[in-house]
Protein backbone atom coordinates (compact mmCIF):
# COMPACT_ATOMS: atom_id res chain seq x y z
CA MET A 1 -14.26 12.03 -0.89
CA ARG A 2 -13.36 8.38 -0.06
CA PRO A 3 -9.49 8.05 0.41
CA VAL A 4 -7.01 5.48 -1.29
CA ILE A 5 -6.63 2.56 0.99
CA CYS A 6 -4.00 0.36 0.89
CA MET A 7 -3.95 -2.77 2.96
CA ILE A 8 -0.28 -4.23 3.70
CA THR A 9 -0.04 -7.96 4.68
CA THR A 10 2.13 -9.07 7.19
CA ALA A 11 5.11 -10.48 6.64
CA GLY A 12 4.35 -13.99 6.95
CA ALA A 13 6.68 -15.11 10.28
CA PRO A 14 6.01 -18.33 11.54
CA GLY A 15 3.26 -18.63 13.78
CA GLU A 16 1.09 -16.07 11.88
CA GLU A 17 -1.77 -16.32 9.70
CA GLY A 18 -1.55 -19.11 6.98
CA ASP A 19 -1.62 -18.24 3.24
CA GLY A 20 -5.28 -19.78 2.92
CA THR A 21 -6.70 -17.22 6.13
CA LEU A 22 -4.64 -14.40 4.10
CA VAL A 23 -6.50 -15.04 0.82
CA SER A 24 -9.87 -15.06 3.00
CA ARG A 25 -8.50 -11.68 4.49
CA ILE A 26 -8.13 -10.05 1.06
CA ALA A 27 -11.44 -10.92 -0.30
CA ALA A 28 -12.95 -9.06 2.55
CA ALA A 29 -10.72 -6.23 2.27
CA ALA A 30 -11.76 -5.80 -1.85
CA ARG A 31 -15.76 -6.26 -0.88
CA ALA A 32 -15.16 -3.46 2.13
CA GLY A 33 -13.60 -1.14 -0.31
CA VAL A 34 -10.07 -1.32 -0.27
CA HIS A 35 -8.72 0.27 -3.39
CA LEU A 36 -5.24 -1.64 -3.07
CA VAL A 37 -3.95 -4.58 -1.29
CA GLN A 38 -0.02 -5.17 -1.57
CA ILE A 39 1.36 -8.72 -0.47
CA ARG A 40 4.80 -8.76 1.57
CA ARG A 41 5.86 -12.13 2.17
CA PRO A 42 9.29 -11.65 1.69
CA GLY A 43 10.26 -15.34 3.17
CA LEU A 44 8.53 -16.85 0.18
CA GLU A 45 10.43 -18.66 -2.70
CA GLY A 46 9.40 -16.84 -6.35
CA ARG A 47 7.12 -20.17 -7.31
CA THR A 48 5.40 -20.25 -4.16
CA LEU A 49 4.46 -16.43 -3.91
CA ALA A 50 3.17 -16.59 -7.45
CA GLY A 51 0.79 -18.96 -6.46
CA LEU A 52 -0.19 -17.21 -3.42
CA VAL A 53 -0.81 -13.86 -6.08
CA ARG A 54 -2.78 -15.67 -8.25
CA GLU A 55 -5.29 -16.69 -5.67
CA ALA A 56 -5.39 -12.92 -4.48
CA VAL A 57 -6.28 -11.79 -7.89
CA ARG A 58 -8.98 -14.34 -7.88
CA ALA A 59 -10.14 -13.53 -4.73
CA VAL A 60 -11.06 -9.57 -5.80
CA ALA A 61 -12.29 -10.48 -9.10
CA GLY A 62 -15.50 -8.51 -9.81
CA THR A 63 -14.07 -5.84 -7.65
CA ARG A 64 -12.05 -3.28 -8.31
CA THR A 65 -9.44 -3.89 -6.05
CA ARG A 66 -6.01 -4.00 -7.31
CA VAL A 67 -3.17 -6.75 -5.69
CA LEU A 68 0.18 -5.32 -5.73
CA VAL A 69 3.46 -7.36 -4.98
CA ASN A 70 5.95 -6.10 -2.90
CA GLU A 71 9.57 -5.51 -4.53
CA ARG A 72 9.05 -8.55 -6.85
CA VAL A 73 8.78 -7.12 -10.46
CA ASP A 74 9.34 -10.76 -11.81
CA VAL A 75 6.84 -12.42 -9.82
CA ALA A 76 4.22 -10.25 -10.43
CA LEU A 77 4.66 -9.89 -13.95
CA ALA A 78 4.51 -13.86 -13.80
CA SER A 79 1.39 -14.15 -11.54
CA GLY A 80 -1.21 -11.52 -13.10
CA ALA A 81 -0.67 -8.98 -10.52
CA HIS A 82 -2.16 -5.60 -11.27
CA GLY A 83 1.05 -3.75 -10.49
CA VAL A 84 4.12 -3.52 -7.64
CA HIS A 85 5.72 -1.78 -5.07
CA LEU A 86 8.87 -0.91 -5.56
CA ARG A 87 11.38 -0.17 -2.05
CA ALA A 88 12.95 3.30 -2.16
CA ASP A 89 16.17 1.23 -2.80
CA GLY A 90 14.10 -0.72 -5.80
CA VAL A 91 14.85 -0.53 -9.22
CA PRO A 92 13.95 2.49 -11.35
CA ALA A 93 10.28 2.69 -12.02
CA ALA A 94 11.00 3.70 -15.65
CA ARG A 95 12.54 0.66 -16.05
CA VAL A 96 9.94 -1.37 -14.68
CA ARG A 97 7.42 0.41 -16.78
CA ALA A 98 9.41 -0.39 -19.97
CA ALA A 99 8.49 -4.34 -19.25
CA ALA A 100 5.13 -3.88 -17.89
CA PRO A 101 1.68 -4.23 -19.56
CA PRO A 102 -0.83 -1.69 -20.26
CA GLY A 103 -2.78 -0.43 -16.73
CA PHE A 104 0.11 -2.17 -14.46
CA LEU A 105 0.09 0.47 -11.08
CA ILE A 106 3.93 0.70 -10.21
CA GLY A 107 4.35 2.56 -6.43
CA ARG A 108 7.27 3.36 -4.56
CA SER A 109 8.38 4.25 -1.18
CA VAL A 110 9.85 7.27 -0.11
CA HIS A 111 11.19 8.80 3.33
CA ALA A 112 11.79 12.67 2.50
CA PRO A 113 9.96 15.70 0.49
CA ASP A 114 13.37 15.77 -1.78
CA GLU A 115 13.58 11.95 -2.16
CA ALA A 116 9.50 12.45 -3.15
CA GLU A 117 10.32 14.62 -5.58
CA ARG A 118 13.30 13.37 -7.33
CA VAL A 119 11.90 9.89 -8.35
CA ALA A 120 8.75 11.63 -9.48
CA ARG A 121 10.60 13.57 -12.03
CA GLN A 122 12.32 10.30 -13.09
CA GLY A 123 8.57 8.84 -14.19
CA GLY A 124 6.92 5.42 -14.40
CA LEU A 125 5.18 5.89 -11.08
CA ASP A 126 1.46 5.92 -10.53
CA TYR A 127 1.79 6.52 -6.92
CA LEU A 128 4.10 7.15 -3.61
CA THR A 129 4.02 5.51 -0.15
CA PHE A 130 5.38 8.41 2.25
CA GLY A 131 6.76 7.46 5.55
CA THR A 132 7.10 6.65 8.23
CA VAL A 133 4.87 9.53 9.28
CA PHE A 134 4.58 8.51 12.90
CA SER A 135 6.44 6.32 14.96
CA THR A 136 5.41 2.41 14.48
CA PRO A 137 6.53 -0.72 16.20
CA SER A 138 7.28 -2.04 12.93
CA LYS A 139 10.12 0.43 12.36
CA ALA A 140 11.16 0.55 15.79
CA GLY A 141 14.13 2.97 16.15
CA GLY A 142 13.58 4.99 13.33
CA ALA A 143 12.81 8.59 13.12
CA ALA A 144 9.50 9.61 12.48
CA ALA A 145 9.21 11.76 9.56
CA GLY A 146 6.12 13.70 10.52
CA VAL A 147 2.74 15.49 9.30
CA GLU A 148 4.68 18.68 8.04
CA ALA A 149 7.07 16.32 6.09
CA LEU A 150 4.41 14.32 4.51
CA ALA A 151 2.66 17.78 3.57
CA SER A 152 5.74 19.39 1.76
CA ALA A 153 5.72 15.89 -0.16
CA CYS A 154 2.08 16.17 -1.37
CA LEU A 155 2.84 19.67 -2.24
CA ARG A 156 6.13 18.77 -4.17
CA VAL A 157 5.07 15.82 -6.45
CA PRO A 158 2.01 15.61 -9.01
CA LEU A 159 1.73 11.65 -7.92
CA PRO A 160 -1.00 10.48 -5.38
CA VAL A 161 0.92 10.45 -2.02
CA LEU A 162 0.02 7.67 0.69
CA ALA A 163 1.14 8.42 4.36
CA ILE A 164 2.13 5.10 6.09
CA GLY A 165 3.47 4.99 9.73
CA GLY A 166 0.98 4.02 12.58
CA MET A 167 -2.03 4.80 11.24
CA THR A 168 -4.54 4.56 13.59
CA PRO A 169 -8.14 6.25 12.65
CA ASP A 170 -7.29 8.80 15.52
CA ARG A 171 -4.48 10.09 12.87
CA LEU A 172 -6.40 9.50 9.61
CA GLY A 173 -8.02 12.96 10.11
CA GLU A 174 -4.62 14.80 10.20
CA VAL A 175 -3.23 13.16 7.66
CA GLY A 176 -5.91 13.79 5.15
CA ARG A 177 -5.42 17.89 6.14
CA ALA A 178 -1.57 17.31 4.91
CA GLY A 179 -3.03 16.67 1.26
CA ALA A 180 -2.54 12.55 1.48
CA ALA A 181 -4.61 10.99 -0.85
CA GLY A 182 -4.75 7.82 1.59
CA PHE A 183 -3.07 6.13 3.48
CA ALA A 184 -1.47 2.18 3.45
CA ALA A 185 -1.55 0.06 7.07
CA ILE A 186 -0.64 -3.12 8.09
CA ALA A 187 -1.25 -3.28 12.06
CA LEU A 188 -4.59 -1.48 11.14
CA PHE A 189 -6.18 -4.16 9.33
CA ALA A 190 -3.92 -6.93 10.39
CA THR A 191 -5.27 -6.74 14.10
CA CYS A 192 -9.09 -7.63 13.51
CA SER A 193 -10.60 -10.76 12.26
CA VAL A 194 -11.77 -11.47 8.90
CA ARG A 195 -15.34 -10.76 10.07
CA ALA A 196 -14.38 -7.17 11.45
CA LEU A 197 -12.51 -6.23 8.29
CA PRO A 198 -15.19 -4.11 6.77
CA ALA A 199 -16.08 -2.05 9.68
CA GLN A 200 -12.54 -1.45 10.04
CA VAL A 201 -12.10 -0.49 6.94
CA ASP A 202 -15.31 1.94 6.83
CA HIS A 203 -14.23 3.09 10.13
CA ALA A 204 -10.73 4.03 8.64
CA ALA A 205 -12.18 5.76 5.61
CA ARG A 206 -14.96 7.49 7.53
CA ALA A 207 -11.87 8.93 10.09
CA PHE A 208 -9.86 10.21 6.97
CA ASP A 209 -10.91 13.77 6.45
CA SER A 210 -9.16 14.75 2.78
CA PRO A 211 -10.03 16.74 -0.36
CA ALA A 212 -7.52 14.90 -1.92
CA GLY A 213 -9.59 11.62 -1.54
CA VAL A 214 -11.18 9.45 -4.35
CA PRO A 215 -14.87 8.91 -4.88
């Protein structure tokens, strides 16, 4: 069973890859079988971000990959994205659902099993991202939730749960056995070239060991 794989883009700090290269990475990830691409570009103003998202949607056409926008519901709806990913302190999912077209995906970040259970009960969500599971440089100073907390969240909610934080191939088997439906990652995919991306995606999928995966 293949896990749900979510590639999160880098924040786009100065000196990092340009948007043209990012679209190429998104296209390569889609061809490799990544299910979700979460576009995270907090520094972009709305019109520029919407243009990038439209390019990404075109890049994944003909694949099953779906493009999500991080937090910006307005941009996601205006640009034809397939969904939105909400921060833990973001707007209620039910409010987004009321304004969204059919088939629009809505996910949310959660950090504890109780929080996962609470937001799942509120409705409107398609999946949760739980973390940080393992310590990671992108969340320096924050305590890792751990695999036991991930397993508890997976047991307590009826939604697919994706693990995030410190996702490396040697940890993915443990994540899968905890009951996660898949995983989301930034560094795992950002550290390899566009040409090497398909092999990295395949390696990660094979490392994941879970009865909760999807075909």
